[in-house]
Amino acid sequence: MLAVGRALLTNPRLLIMDEPSEGLAPIVVDKLVATLQAVLAEGTALLLIEQNLSVAAAVSERLAVMVVGRIALETSARELLADTDTQQRLLGIGAAAGFAAAGPTDVERPM
């Protein structure tokens, strides 16, 4: 959280973040999402690398899903949230689980 605050103090035009929600309590994640939404509303661009689909979708219009280092899907956040089959196939999100697994489930891996 300190790193996020320090980055925002510089008034960046582009904010690049890698897994900002990792290890944070759910209430802190909610505050982080609200802060990022406010930053975006002020005109700052955001490049977010995030495994938590709900966080990524809450602050993004477009999402790119990487699998084994390659872009497997580029779509709108709304479309991916509505497509549970694609979530299961690319993200390993099951209906019962409700969260992203560590890796892809049935994606072809390059040799």
N, C-alpha and C. Protein backbone atom coordinates (compact mmCIF):
# COMPACT_ATOMS: atom_id res chain seq x y z
N MET A 1 0.83 -1.19 0.00
CA MET A 1 0.00 0.00 0.00
C MET A 1 0.87 1.25 0.00
N LEU A 2 2.00 1.18 0.67
CA LEU A 2 2.92 2.31 0.68
C LEU A 2 3.43 2.60 -0.72
N ALA A 3 3.76 1.57 -1.47
CA ALA A 3 4.25 1.75 -2.84
C ALA A 3 3.19 2.40 -3.72
N VAL A 4 1.94 2.02 -3.54
CA VAL A 4 0.85 2.61 -4.31
C VAL A 4 0.73 4.09 -3.98
N GLY A 5 0.76 4.41 -2.69
CA GLY A 5 0.68 5.81 -2.27
C GLY A 5 1.82 6.64 -2.81
N ARG A 6 3.02 6.10 -2.74
CA ARG A 6 4.19 6.83 -3.25
C ARG A 6 4.08 7.05 -4.75
N ALA A 7 3.61 6.05 -5.48
CA ALA A 7 3.46 6.19 -6.94
C ALA A 7 2.42 7.27 -7.27
N LEU A 8 1.35 7.32 -6.51
CA LEU A 8 0.29 8.29 -6.79
C LEU A 8 0.73 9.73 -6.46
N LEU A 9 1.68 9.88 -5.56
CA LEU A 9 2.17 11.22 -5.21
C LEU A 9 2.87 11.91 -6.39
N THR A 10 3.34 11.13 -7.34
CA THR A 10 4.06 11.70 -8.48
C THR A 10 3.13 12.19 -9.58
N ASN A 11 1.82 12.01 -9.41
CA ASN A 11 0.84 12.40 -10.42
C ASN A 11 1.16 11.79 -11.79
N PRO A 12 1.23 10.47 -11.87
CA PRO A 12 1.65 9.83 -13.12
C PRO A 12 0.59 9.92 -14.21
N ARG A 13 1.04 9.89 -15.46
CA ARG A 13 0.10 9.79 -16.59
C ARG A 13 -0.26 8.33 -16.82
N LEU A 14 0.68 7.43 -16.48
CA LEU A 14 0.48 5.99 -16.60
C LEU A 14 0.95 5.33 -15.32
N LEU A 15 0.10 4.51 -14.75
CA LEU A 15 0.42 3.76 -13.54
C LEU A 15 0.48 2.29 -13.92
N ILE A 16 1.63 1.64 -13.70
CA ILE A 16 1.81 0.23 -14.00
C ILE A 16 1.89 -0.51 -12.68
N MET A 17 1.01 -1.48 -12.51
CA MET A 17 0.95 -2.21 -11.24
C MET A 17 0.95 -3.70 -11.48
N ASP A 18 1.75 -4.42 -10.70
CA ASP A 18 1.83 -5.87 -10.79
C ASP A 18 1.29 -6.48 -9.50
N GLU A 19 0.15 -7.13 -9.61
CA GLU A 19 -0.49 -7.80 -8.48
C GLU A 19 -0.67 -6.91 -7.24
N PRO A 20 -1.30 -5.75 -7.38
CA PRO A 20 -1.43 -4.87 -6.22
C PRO A 20 -2.31 -5.43 -5.11
N SER A 21 -3.19 -6.37 -5.41
CA SER A 21 -4.08 -6.90 -4.38
C SER A 21 -3.49 -8.11 -3.65
N GLU A 22 -2.35 -8.60 -4.11
CA GLU A 22 -1.76 -9.81 -3.51
C GLU A 22 -1.42 -9.59 -2.03
N GLY A 23 -1.93 -10.49 -1.21
CA GLY A 23 -1.61 -10.46 0.21
C GLY A 23 -2.38 -9.45 1.03
N LEU A 24 -3.30 -8.73 0.43
CA LEU A 24 -4.05 -7.71 1.16
C LEU A 24 -5.35 -8.29 1.71
N ALA A 25 -5.78 -7.78 2.84
CA ALA A 25 -7.07 -8.16 3.41
C ALA A 25 -8.19 -7.69 2.48
N PRO A 26 -9.30 -8.42 2.43
CA PRO A 26 -10.39 -8.05 1.53
C PRO A 26 -10.86 -6.60 1.68
N ILE A 27 -10.91 -6.07 2.88
CA ILE A 27 -11.35 -4.68 3.06
C ILE A 27 -10.34 -3.71 2.46
N VAL A 28 -9.06 -4.06 2.53
CA VAL A 28 -8.02 -3.21 1.94
C VAL A 28 -8.08 -3.30 0.41
N VAL A 29 -8.39 -4.50 -0.12
CA VAL A 29 -8.56 -4.66 -1.56
C VAL A 29 -9.70 -3.77 -2.05
N ASP A 30 -10.80 -3.74 -1.30
CA ASP A 30 -11.93 -2.88 -1.67
C ASP A 30 -11.50 -1.41 -1.72
N LYS A 31 -10.71 -0.98 -0.76
CA LYS A 31 -10.23 0.41 -0.74
C LYS A 31 -9.27 0.66 -1.90
N LEU A 32 -8.44 -0.33 -2.21
CA LEU A 32 -7.53 -0.21 -3.34
C LEU A 32 -8.30 -0.04 -4.65
N VAL A 33 -9.32 -0.85 -4.84
CA VAL A 33 -10.15 -0.77 -6.05
C VAL A 33 -10.80 0.61 -6.14
N ALA A 34 -11.35 1.09 -5.05
CA ALA A 34 -11.97 2.42 -5.05
C ALA A 34 -10.95 3.51 -5.39
N THR A 35 -9.75 3.37 -4.86
CA THR A 35 -8.69 4.35 -5.15
C THR A 35 -8.31 4.31 -6.62
N LEU A 36 -8.15 3.10 -7.16
CA LEU A 36 -7.79 2.98 -8.57
C LEU A 36 -8.89 3.51 -9.48
N GLN A 37 -10.13 3.28 -9.12
CA GLN A 37 -11.25 3.83 -9.91
C GLN A 37 -11.22 5.35 -9.89
N ALA A 38 -10.90 5.95 -8.75
CA ALA A 38 -10.80 7.41 -8.65
C ALA A 38 -9.64 7.93 -9.49
N VAL A 39 -8.52 7.23 -9.45
CA VAL A 39 -7.34 7.63 -10.23
C VAL A 39 -7.67 7.58 -11.73
N LEU A 40 -8.37 6.54 -12.14
CA LEU A 40 -8.76 6.43 -13.54
C LEU A 40 -9.73 7.54 -13.94
N ALA A 41 -10.64 7.88 -13.04
CA ALA A 41 -11.61 8.94 -13.32
C ALA A 41 -10.93 10.29 -13.51
N GLU A 42 -9.74 10.45 -12.90
CA GLU A 42 -8.99 11.70 -13.04
C GLU A 42 -8.15 11.74 -14.32
N GLY A 43 -8.16 10.62 -15.08
CA GLY A 43 -7.48 10.63 -16.37
C GLY A 43 -6.15 9.90 -16.42
N THR A 44 -5.75 9.26 -15.34
CA THR A 44 -4.51 8.49 -15.35
C THR A 44 -4.76 7.15 -16.02
N ALA A 45 -3.86 6.75 -16.91
CA ALA A 45 -3.96 5.44 -17.55
C ALA A 45 -3.42 4.38 -16.59
N LEU A 46 -3.92 3.16 -16.71
CA LEU A 46 -3.52 2.09 -15.80
C LEU A 46 -3.23 0.82 -16.59
N LEU A 47 -2.05 0.26 -16.37
CA LEU A 47 -1.71 -1.07 -16.88
C LEU A 47 -1.61 -1.96 -15.64
N LEU A 48 -2.52 -2.90 -15.54
CA LEU A 48 -2.65 -3.71 -14.33
C LEU A 48 -2.40 -5.18 -14.66
N ILE A 49 -1.49 -5.80 -13.95
CA ILE A 49 -1.27 -7.23 -14.04
C ILE A 49 -1.86 -7.80 -12.76
N GLU A 50 -2.89 -8.64 -12.90
CA GLU A 50 -3.65 -9.06 -11.71
C GLU A 50 -4.26 -10.44 -11.95
N GLN A 51 -4.13 -11.33 -10.98
CA GLN A 51 -4.75 -12.65 -11.08
C GLN A 51 -6.18 -12.65 -10.56
N ASN A 52 -6.53 -11.68 -9.76
CA ASN A 52 -7.88 -11.61 -9.19
C ASN A 52 -8.80 -10.97 -10.24
N LEU A 53 -9.63 -11.80 -10.88
CA LEU A 53 -10.49 -11.33 -11.96
C LEU A 53 -11.43 -10.22 -11.51
N SER A 54 -11.97 -10.32 -10.31
CA SER A 54 -12.92 -9.29 -9.87
C SER A 54 -12.23 -7.94 -9.70
N VAL A 55 -11.00 -7.93 -9.24
CA VAL A 55 -10.25 -6.68 -9.12
C VAL A 55 -9.94 -6.12 -10.51
N ALA A 56 -9.43 -6.97 -11.39
CA ALA A 56 -9.08 -6.52 -12.74
C ALA A 56 -10.31 -5.97 -13.46
N ALA A 57 -11.43 -6.67 -13.36
CA ALA A 57 -12.64 -6.23 -14.06
C ALA A 57 -13.22 -4.96 -13.45
N ALA A 58 -13.03 -4.75 -12.17
CA ALA A 58 -13.58 -3.57 -11.50
C ALA A 58 -12.89 -2.29 -11.94
N VAL A 59 -11.66 -2.39 -12.41
CA VAL A 59 -10.92 -1.18 -12.78
C VAL A 59 -10.54 -1.14 -14.27
N SER A 60 -11.04 -2.10 -15.05
CA SER A 60 -10.64 -2.18 -16.46
C SER A 60 -11.83 -2.28 -17.39
N GLU A 61 -11.70 -1.66 -18.53
CA GLU A 61 -12.69 -1.85 -19.59
C GLU A 61 -12.30 -3.04 -20.46
N ARG A 62 -11.01 -3.19 -20.73
CA ARG A 62 -10.48 -4.26 -21.57
C ARG A 62 -9.56 -5.15 -20.74
N LEU A 63 -9.60 -6.44 -21.04
CA LEU A 63 -8.75 -7.40 -20.36
C LEU A 63 -8.02 -8.25 -21.39
N ALA A 64 -6.78 -8.56 -21.11
CA ALA A 64 -6.02 -9.52 -21.90
C ALA A 64 -5.63 -10.64 -20.95
N VAL A 65 -5.90 -11.87 -21.34
CA VAL A 65 -5.57 -13.03 -20.52
C VAL A 65 -4.33 -13.68 -21.11
N MET A 66 -3.29 -13.79 -20.27
CA MET A 66 -2.06 -14.46 -20.69
C MET A 66 -2.05 -15.88 -20.16
N VAL A 67 -1.65 -16.79 -21.04
CA VAL A 67 -1.49 -18.19 -20.67
C VAL A 67 -0.13 -18.63 -21.18
N VAL A 68 0.71 -19.08 -20.31
CA VAL A 68 2.05 -19.54 -20.64
C VAL A 68 2.80 -18.47 -21.44
N GLY A 69 2.68 -17.22 -21.01
CA GLY A 69 3.44 -16.14 -21.61
C GLY A 69 2.90 -15.58 -22.91
N ARG A 70 1.74 -16.02 -23.33
CA ARG A 70 1.14 -15.53 -24.57
C ARG A 70 -0.29 -15.05 -24.31
N ILE A 71 -0.69 -14.04 -25.08
CA ILE A 71 -2.07 -13.54 -24.96
C ILE A 71 -3.01 -14.58 -25.57
N ALA A 72 -3.86 -15.16 -24.73
CA ALA A 72 -4.81 -16.18 -25.17
C ALA A 72 -6.17 -15.57 -25.50
N LEU A 73 -6.46 -14.40 -24.93
CA LEU A 73 -7.76 -13.77 -25.13
C LEU A 73 -7.64 -12.28 -24.85
N GLU A 74 -8.27 -11.49 -25.69
CA GLU A 74 -8.41 -10.06 -25.44
C GLU A 74 -9.89 -9.74 -25.61
N THR A 75 -10.49 -9.18 -24.56
CA THR A 75 -11.93 -8.97 -24.56
C THR A 75 -12.28 -7.84 -23.60
N SER A 76 -13.56 -7.53 -23.54
CA SER A 76 -14.00 -6.53 -22.55
C SER A 76 -14.17 -7.23 -21.20
N ALA A 77 -14.04 -6.47 -20.15
CA ALA A 77 -14.23 -7.00 -18.80
C ALA A 77 -15.64 -7.57 -18.66
N ARG A 78 -16.60 -6.87 -19.19
CA ARG A 78 -18.01 -7.30 -19.10
C ARG A 78 -18.21 -8.65 -19.77
N GLU A 79 -17.62 -8.83 -20.97
CA GLU A 79 -17.79 -10.09 -21.69
C GLU A 79 -17.14 -11.25 -20.94
N LEU A 80 -15.96 -11.05 -20.39
CA LEU A 80 -15.30 -12.13 -19.67
C LEU A 80 -16.05 -12.48 -18.39
N LEU A 81 -16.55 -11.50 -17.69
CA LEU A 81 -17.32 -11.77 -16.48
C LEU A 81 -18.58 -12.58 -16.78
N ALA A 82 -19.15 -12.38 -17.96
CA ALA A 82 -20.38 -13.08 -18.34
C ALA A 82 -20.11 -14.47 -18.91
N ASP A 83 -18.89 -14.77 -19.29
CA ASP A 83 -18.55 -16.03 -19.97
C ASP A 83 -17.86 -17.00 -19.01
N THR A 84 -18.66 -17.76 -18.28
CA THR A 84 -18.10 -18.68 -17.29
C THR A 84 -17.32 -19.83 -17.93
N ASP A 85 -17.69 -20.22 -19.14
CA ASP A 85 -16.94 -21.28 -19.83
C ASP A 85 -15.51 -20.84 -20.11
N THR A 86 -15.34 -19.62 -20.59
CA THR A 86 -14.00 -19.09 -20.87
C THR A 86 -13.23 -18.89 -19.57
N GLN A 87 -13.88 -18.44 -18.53
CA GLN A 87 -13.22 -18.31 -17.24
C GLN A 87 -12.68 -19.66 -16.78
N GLN A 88 -13.48 -20.71 -16.92
CA GLN A 88 -13.06 -22.05 -16.51
C GLN A 88 -11.91 -22.53 -17.39
N ARG A 89 -12.02 -22.33 -18.69
CA ARG A 89 -11.03 -22.84 -19.62
C ARG A 89 -9.68 -22.14 -19.49
N LEU A 90 -9.69 -20.81 -19.38
CA LEU A 90 -8.43 -20.06 -19.37
C LEU A 90 -7.92 -19.72 -17.97
N LEU A 91 -8.82 -19.53 -17.03
CA LEU A 91 -8.41 -19.07 -15.70
C LEU A 91 -8.54 -20.14 -14.63
N GLY A 92 -9.23 -21.22 -14.94
CA GLY A 92 -9.42 -22.27 -13.95
C GLY A 92 -10.42 -21.90 -12.89
N ILE A 93 -11.30 -20.96 -13.20
CA ILE A 93 -12.31 -20.52 -12.23
C ILE A 93 -13.51 -21.45 -12.35
N GLY A 94 -13.79 -22.18 -11.26
CA GLY A 94 -14.94 -23.07 -11.25
C GLY A 94 -16.13 -22.40 -10.62
N ALA A 95 -17.30 -22.88 -10.93
CA ALA A 95 -18.53 -22.31 -10.38
C ALA A 95 -18.53 -22.39 -8.86
N ALA A 96 -18.01 -23.47 -8.32
CA ALA A 96 -18.00 -23.63 -6.87
C ALA A 96 -16.85 -22.87 -6.22
N ALA A 97 -15.74 -22.73 -6.96
CA ALA A 97 -14.55 -22.11 -6.36
C ALA A 97 -14.71 -20.61 -6.20
N GLY A 98 -15.08 -19.92 -7.28
CA GLY A 98 -15.26 -18.48 -7.20
C GLY A 98 -13.97 -17.69 -7.17
N PHE A 99 -12.83 -18.33 -7.48
CA PHE A 99 -11.57 -17.61 -7.52
C PHE A 99 -10.66 -18.26 -8.55
N ALA A 100 -9.63 -17.52 -8.98
CA ALA A 100 -8.72 -18.01 -10.00
C ALA A 100 -7.74 -19.01 -9.41
N ALA A 101 -7.53 -20.07 -10.15
CA ALA A 101 -6.53 -21.06 -9.75
C ALA A 101 -5.16 -20.57 -10.16
N ALA A 102 -4.15 -21.30 -9.80
CA ALA A 102 -2.78 -20.87 -10.06
C ALA A 102 -2.43 -20.87 -11.54
N GLY A 103 -3.07 -21.70 -12.35
CA GLY A 103 -2.67 -21.76 -13.74
C GLY A 103 -3.78 -22.24 -14.64
N PRO A 104 -3.50 -22.33 -15.94
CA PRO A 104 -4.49 -22.73 -16.91
C PRO A 104 -4.81 -24.21 -16.77
N THR A 105 -5.97 -24.61 -17.27
CA THR A 105 -6.38 -25.99 -17.12
C THR A 105 -6.24 -26.80 -18.40
N ASP A 106 -6.68 -26.28 -19.52
CA ASP A 106 -6.68 -27.09 -20.74
C ASP A 106 -6.14 -26.31 -21.95
N VAL A 107 -5.15 -25.52 -21.72
CA VAL A 107 -4.59 -24.69 -22.80
C VAL A 107 -3.37 -25.39 -23.35
N GLU A 108 -3.25 -25.39 -24.67
CA GLU A 108 -2.10 -26.01 -25.31
C GLU A 108 -0.83 -25.27 -24.94
N ARG A 109 0.17 -25.98 -24.49
CA ARG A 109 1.43 -25.39 -24.09
C ARG A 109 2.46 -25.56 -25.21
N PRO A 110 3.25 -24.49 -25.50
CA PRO A 110 4.26 -24.61 -26.54
C PRO A 110 5.40 -25.53 -26.07
N MET A 111 6.05 -26.18 -27.01
CA MET A 111 7.17 -27.08 -26.70
C MET A 111 8.42 -26.29 -26.42
